Protein backbone atom coordinates (compact mmCIF):
# COMPACT_ATOMS: atom_id res chain seq x y z
CA MET A 1 -120.61 1.48 -21.06
CA HIS A 2 -121.69 4.17 -22.58
CA HIS A 3 -119.92 5.79 -25.08
CA PHE A 4 -119.39 9.87 -25.74
CA GLU A 5 -118.01 11.65 -28.61
CA ASP A 6 -118.12 15.16 -27.39
CA PHE A 7 -117.34 16.53 -23.61
CA ILE A 8 -118.25 20.10 -22.45
CA GLY A 9 -117.39 21.56 -19.23
CA ILE A 10 -119.26 25.24 -18.37
CA ASP A 11 -118.15 27.15 -15.54
CA TYR A 12 -121.52 28.85 -14.53
CA SER A 13 -122.39 31.95 -12.96
CA GLY A 14 -125.50 33.39 -10.89
CA ALA A 15 -125.06 37.14 -11.67
CA LYS A 16 -127.72 39.58 -13.02
CA THR A 17 -129.83 38.83 -15.69
CA ALA A 18 -130.37 35.72 -18.19
CA THR A 19 -129.94 37.74 -20.60
CA SER A 20 -126.51 39.87 -19.14
CA ARG A 21 -123.12 39.13 -20.58
CA LEU A 22 -121.02 37.49 -17.72
CA LYS A 23 -117.16 37.10 -17.92
CA GLY A 24 -117.86 33.93 -15.63
CA LEU A 25 -119.90 32.28 -17.75
CA ARG A 26 -117.20 29.83 -19.22
CA VAL A 27 -117.47 26.60 -21.82
CA PHE A 28 -114.77 24.01 -23.04
CA HIS A 29 -115.27 21.87 -25.24
CA ALA A 30 -113.34 18.33 -25.76
CA SER A 31 -113.45 15.30 -27.85
CA ILE A 32 -111.53 11.98 -26.48
CA ASP A 33 -108.56 12.57 -28.21
CA LEU A 34 -108.45 16.48 -28.02
CA GLU A 35 -107.23 18.84 -25.97
CA PRO A 36 -110.16 20.93 -24.84
CA ILE A 37 -111.29 24.55 -26.51
CA GLU A 38 -112.83 27.65 -25.09
CA VAL A 39 -115.97 28.08 -27.26
CA ARG A 40 -116.91 31.62 -27.74
CA THR A 41 -120.39 32.90 -28.27
CA GLU A 42 -121.67 32.50 -31.52
CA VAL A 43 -123.05 35.71 -31.56
CA ASN A 44 -119.57 37.66 -31.30
CA GLU A 45 -116.53 35.71 -30.02
CA ARG A 46 -115.57 38.64 -28.37
CA TRP A 47 -118.08 39.18 -25.68
CA HIS A 48 -119.10 37.00 -23.18
CA TRP A 49 -121.95 34.53 -22.62
CA THR A 50 -125.16 34.97 -21.52
CA ARG A 51 -127.28 31.97 -20.07
CA LYS A 52 -130.04 32.44 -22.24
CA GLU A 53 -127.16 31.62 -24.78
CA ILE A 54 -125.47 28.50 -23.19
CA ALA A 55 -128.67 27.04 -23.40
CA GLU A 56 -129.65 27.42 -26.63
CA TRP A 57 -126.24 26.27 -27.43
CA LEU A 58 -126.33 23.02 -25.53
CA VAL A 59 -129.74 22.47 -26.97
CA SER A 60 -128.54 22.16 -30.69
CA GLN A 61 -125.34 20.39 -28.81
CA ILE A 62 -127.65 17.81 -27.80
CA ASN A 63 -129.80 17.77 -30.79
CA SER A 64 -126.88 17.27 -32.98
CA ASP A 65 -125.59 13.73 -34.15
CA LYS A 66 -122.95 13.42 -31.37
CA VAL A 67 -123.45 11.87 -28.08
CA CYS A 68 -122.32 14.57 -25.68
CA ILE A 69 -121.66 14.26 -22.12
CA VAL A 70 -122.05 17.67 -20.09
CA GLY A 71 -120.33 19.31 -16.83
CA LEU A 72 -122.40 22.40 -15.02
CA ASP A 73 -121.18 23.46 -12.05
CA HIS A 74 -124.46 24.49 -10.30
CA GLY A 75 -126.76 22.08 -8.10
CA PHE A 76 -129.82 20.38 -10.31
CA SER A 77 -131.60 20.07 -7.34
CA PHE A 78 -132.30 20.70 -3.27
CA PRO A 79 -132.17 18.73 -0.48
CA GLU A 80 -134.90 16.11 0.67
CA SER A 81 -135.74 18.56 3.51
CA TYR A 82 -136.95 21.11 0.84
CA PHE A 83 -139.34 18.29 -0.77
CA TYR A 84 -141.45 17.43 2.13
CA ARG A 85 -141.36 20.73 3.07
CA TYR A 86 -143.29 21.44 0.05
CA GLU A 87 -144.73 18.37 -0.74
CA ILE A 88 -142.87 18.12 -3.98
CA ARG A 89 -143.43 14.55 -5.07
CA ASP A 90 -140.34 13.64 -7.54
CA TRP A 91 -137.96 15.70 -9.43
CA THR A 92 -139.87 16.15 -12.74
CA HIS A 93 -142.34 18.12 -10.29
CA PHE A 94 -139.08 20.26 -7.99
CA LEU A 95 -138.69 22.09 -11.51
CA ASP A 96 -141.95 22.77 -12.73
CA ASP A 97 -142.70 23.93 -9.04
CA PHE A 98 -138.91 25.85 -8.93
CA VAL A 99 -139.89 27.71 -12.13
CA GLU A 100 -143.24 28.81 -10.94
CA HIS A 101 -141.82 30.64 -8.26
CA TRP A 102 -138.13 31.36 -9.31
CA PRO A 103 -138.88 32.89 -12.90
CA LEU A 104 -134.96 33.41 -13.24
CA HIS A 105 -135.24 32.64 -16.98
CA GLU A 106 -137.40 35.13 -18.00
CA PRO A 107 -134.89 38.48 -19.28
CA HIS A 108 -135.76 41.12 -16.53
CA GLU A 109 -135.39 38.80 -13.34
CA PHE A 110 -132.35 38.04 -10.70
CA VAL A 111 -132.42 36.40 -7.47
CA ASP A 112 -132.07 39.40 -5.61
CA ARG A 113 -135.42 40.87 -6.41
CA ILE A 114 -137.36 37.84 -5.93
CA ARG A 115 -135.73 37.30 -2.14
CA ASP A 116 -136.48 40.69 -1.76
CA ASP A 117 -140.20 40.10 -2.40
CA GLY A 118 -140.40 37.24 -0.65
CA VAL A 119 -140.48 34.25 -2.48
CA VAL A 120 -142.35 31.56 -0.65
CA ARG A 121 -139.71 28.88 -1.96
CA ILE A 122 -136.63 28.89 0.39
CA GLY A 123 -134.39 26.96 2.54
CA THR A 124 -132.20 27.39 4.83
CA PRO A 125 -128.12 27.55 4.65
CA ASP A 126 -127.26 24.72 6.67
CA GLU A 127 -129.92 22.46 4.80
CA LEU A 128 -127.18 20.02 2.90
CA ARG A 129 -127.86 17.42 0.15
CA LEU A 130 -126.38 13.94 0.61
CA SER A 131 -123.49 14.50 -2.13
CA GLU A 132 -122.44 18.23 -0.35
CA LYS A 133 -122.00 16.21 2.67
CA TRP A 134 -119.81 13.73 1.16
CA THR A 135 -117.60 16.05 0.28
CA SER A 136 -115.27 18.54 2.43
CA SER A 137 -116.09 22.38 1.13
CA ALA A 138 -119.19 22.14 -0.98
CA LYS A 139 -121.98 25.21 0.14
CA SER A 140 -125.71 24.67 0.81
CA VAL A 141 -127.55 25.61 -2.24
CA PHE A 142 -129.36 27.85 0.03
CA ARG A 143 -126.19 29.72 1.35
CA PHE A 144 -126.20 33.23 -0.57
CA ASP A 145 -124.19 36.25 -0.11
CA VAL A 146 -120.60 34.21 0.64
CA GLN A 147 -117.61 33.85 -1.18
CA GLY A 148 -117.62 30.71 -3.35
CA GLN A 149 -121.56 30.48 -3.33
CA VAL A 150 -123.23 28.05 -5.56
CA ALA A 151 -126.90 29.83 -4.30
CA LYS A 152 -127.28 31.99 -7.13
CA SER A 153 -125.84 29.85 -9.88
CA THR A 154 -128.44 26.67 -8.58
CA HIS A 155 -131.17 29.24 -8.56
CA THR A 156 -130.36 30.79 -12.00
CA GLY A 157 -129.49 27.64 -13.35
CA ILE A 158 -132.36 25.52 -12.86
CA PRO A 159 -134.60 26.96 -15.24
CA TRP A 160 -132.54 25.50 -18.11
CA LEU A 161 -132.64 22.82 -17.21
CA LEU A 162 -136.26 22.57 -17.17
CA HIS A 163 -135.35 24.59 -20.86
CA LEU A 164 -133.13 21.26 -22.38
CA LYS A 165 -135.50 19.10 -20.66
CA GLU A 166 -138.71 20.39 -23.08
CA GLN A 167 -136.38 21.15 -26.12
CA CYS A 168 -134.18 17.82 -25.82
CA GLY A 169 -136.74 15.19 -25.02
CA GLU A 170 -135.65 11.47 -25.60
CA ARG A 171 -132.34 12.63 -26.63
CA ILE A 172 -130.86 14.20 -23.24
CA HIS A 173 -130.54 12.15 -19.95
CA PHE A 174 -130.64 13.94 -16.77
CA TRP A 175 -128.10 12.06 -14.18
CA PRO A 176 -129.18 10.54 -12.16
CA PHE A 177 -132.69 11.66 -12.20
CA ASP A 178 -133.28 9.65 -14.98
CA GLY A 179 -131.69 7.00 -14.16
CA TRP A 180 -128.10 6.14 -13.20
CA LEU A 181 -127.73 3.75 -16.05
CA ILE A 182 -127.70 5.89 -19.64
CA PRO A 183 -129.41 4.52 -22.67
CA GLU A 184 -127.32 4.40 -25.62
CA GLY A 185 -126.95 7.02 -27.82
CA LYS A 186 -128.61 9.61 -25.10
CA SER A 187 -126.24 12.81 -24.46
CA VAL A 188 -125.96 13.17 -20.54
CA VAL A 189 -126.16 16.25 -18.39
CA ALA A 190 -124.57 15.84 -14.77
CA GLU A 191 -123.72 18.29 -12.18
CA VAL A 192 -119.89 18.99 -11.28
CA TYR A 193 -118.54 20.54 -8.76
CA PRO A 194 -114.74 21.67 -10.23
CA SER A 195 -112.95 22.03 -6.79
CA LEU A 196 -112.63 18.01 -6.95
CA PHE A 197 -110.57 17.81 -9.75
CA SER A 198 -109.42 21.58 -10.87
CA LYS A 199 -106.09 21.70 -9.58
CA ARG A 200 -104.75 18.65 -11.19
CA TYR A 201 -103.92 20.35 -14.59
CA PRO A 202 -101.90 23.33 -15.05
CA ARG A 203 -103.77 26.57 -15.03
CA ASN A 204 -101.59 28.26 -16.96
CA ASP A 205 -102.97 31.65 -18.19
CA ARG A 206 -106.40 30.87 -18.03
CA THR A 207 -108.84 32.42 -15.26
CA ALA A 208 -110.18 30.60 -12.26
CA ASP A 209 -113.15 30.33 -14.04
CA GLN A 210 -112.04 29.11 -17.44
CA GLN A 211 -110.06 27.17 -15.71
CA ASP A 212 -113.05 25.27 -13.54
CA ALA A 213 -114.47 24.81 -17.01
CA TYR A 214 -111.66 23.85 -19.03
CA ALA A 215 -110.79 21.03 -16.14
CA THR A 216 -113.91 19.93 -16.29
CA ALA A 217 -114.37 18.86 -19.96
CA THR A 218 -110.80 17.73 -19.61
CA TRP A 219 -111.69 15.58 -16.70
CA LEU A 220 -114.61 13.99 -18.47
CA ALA A 221 -112.92 13.24 -21.40
CA GLU A 222 -109.82 11.94 -19.78
CA CYS A 223 -112.15 9.67 -17.76
CA SER A 224 -113.56 7.92 -20.40
CA ARG A 225 -110.72 7.79 -22.22
CA ILE A 226 -109.20 5.44 -19.55
CA GLY A 227 -112.65 3.39 -18.63
CA ARG A 228 -112.69 5.41 -15.17
CA LEU A 229 -115.89 7.74 -16.20
CA GLN A 230 -118.62 4.56 -15.44
CA ASN A 231 -117.39 3.89 -12.05
CA TYR A 232 -118.33 7.84 -11.33
CA LEU A 233 -122.01 7.16 -13.11
CA GLU A 234 -122.17 3.98 -11.22
CA PRO A 235 -121.50 5.12 -7.75
CA SER A 236 -121.49 2.86 -4.59
CA LEU A 237 -124.37 4.25 -2.83
CA THR A 238 -126.82 1.83 -0.64
CA GLU A 239 -130.45 1.74 -1.67
CA GLU A 240 -131.68 3.92 0.52
CA GLU A 241 -129.12 6.74 -0.49
CA LYS A 242 -129.70 6.07 -4.10
CA ARG A 243 -133.61 7.12 -3.10
CA ILE A 244 -132.78 10.22 -2.01
CA ALA A 245 -130.02 11.06 -4.87
CA LEU A 246 -133.44 10.68 -7.13
CA LEU A 247 -134.58 13.51 -5.51
CA GLU A 248 -131.10 15.77 -4.78
CA GLY A 249 -129.54 14.97 -6.86
CA TRP A 250 -125.56 13.80 -7.27
CA ILE A 251 -122.33 15.60 -7.81
CA LEU A 252 -120.45 13.11 -10.98
CA GLY A 253 -117.11 12.18 -9.15
CA VAL A 254 -118.38 12.14 -5.36
CA ALA A 255 -118.22 8.14 -4.75
């Protein structure tokens, strides 16, 4: 069983640009026996995070001595149909190809501008990943401009996954793309869907965004403490389902 020391929950936002300060970006950090606390920016704890700052903070956490697991609430990949349509071989190829067409890590880029320019890498709102079909309410990564959309956060978050991959090298394990089994000593970054568990924990005075990040960190630490996390890291999938998930990704907690 893999042993983690730190548990990080991040509520994401795809608004504006990579360097915009967004109240929807929230980070909570827990250890195995300590209640999660909100992490503020190192620049100024009164300010909201930017997506760029969160990525750099994650690099520092993953490259530290502690082994952590990070739950991010945006899609890490697209449906298998997208891979076929654009002749994309695997997830690594997908990341490189995506960033070429959606350079949303650049300081002044934002989703709607690229969409208005007629980007050539697109999908349709009825395309769902397998793990999304296994939940009652997860939306397509291509369904923009609706309440509760994940499309913008997914499109803006994926370029930073490539950044993490480049900056953290052998210290990072993207689950399940790098394998369902996690080598000892590696930190894990996984996709989560906070709606699966956020209502289990009292909200108190937290905003909805804070609650999603708090609940993610709490759930990860709790599952690890009681020995249930391994079950979620090894969901009961057929070989064909596992093959698809190595392209599309999987939502941790969907089993």
